[in-house]
Amino acid sequence: MNNNLYKGTVEHPFHLSVGAVLCNDKNEICCHYFKKFKSKTDLIKLDDFYILMRETLESNETLEQAVLRGIGEEFGATGKISDYIGSIKSQFNRLDTPVEKTTVYFLIRLDKFDIAQRMKDDEEKLSHIQWHSINFLISKMKDQAIRYKRTDLDESSILERAKIILNI
């Protein structure tokens, strides 16, 4: 039995997570970059792609708590939530079962960044943490979604909303 109701499984193919558009004082966005990625649970291989921080909710955790926990665990960062910027519904396969994923995104202003503080036992530990312009990431995410035919790799619509809020 899955103890976390928010994590999509073969038996319960619905997943809820939070995502962060973590922005520094230069309006650069923090992201994961994977040169090569192989998931043990989903049996997938992907190369050369970018994603924002996304974290599965834990039981009895608010969306805000989850997103702030996520930037700490995945990036070694702390920040302040400045805006809710929408959600994306996508699909991915867990083994051969399609899982419906909803990710709720927040714009977060960076307070502190210390990459040494990121969690070492996460799948994301294999990523390179990078800072890029929103336009760079929008272009990369649109391209990788087409290349891999995966809607969960395209967060460009969220970045477009963040651009408006940040006035860039």
Foldseek 3Di string as FASTA:
>chain_A
DDQFLQPADLVRQEHEKEFEQEAEPVRWGKWWFAQWAADPQQRDIDGTAIDTFIFGDGPPDDNVRGHQVRCCQQFVWGWAFDAWQAKDWWWDGGHNHIHIYIYTYTYTYTDDTDNVRHHCPDSSVNTDIDIGHLVVNQVRQVVVCVVVVTPVSHPNVSSVSVCVVVVD
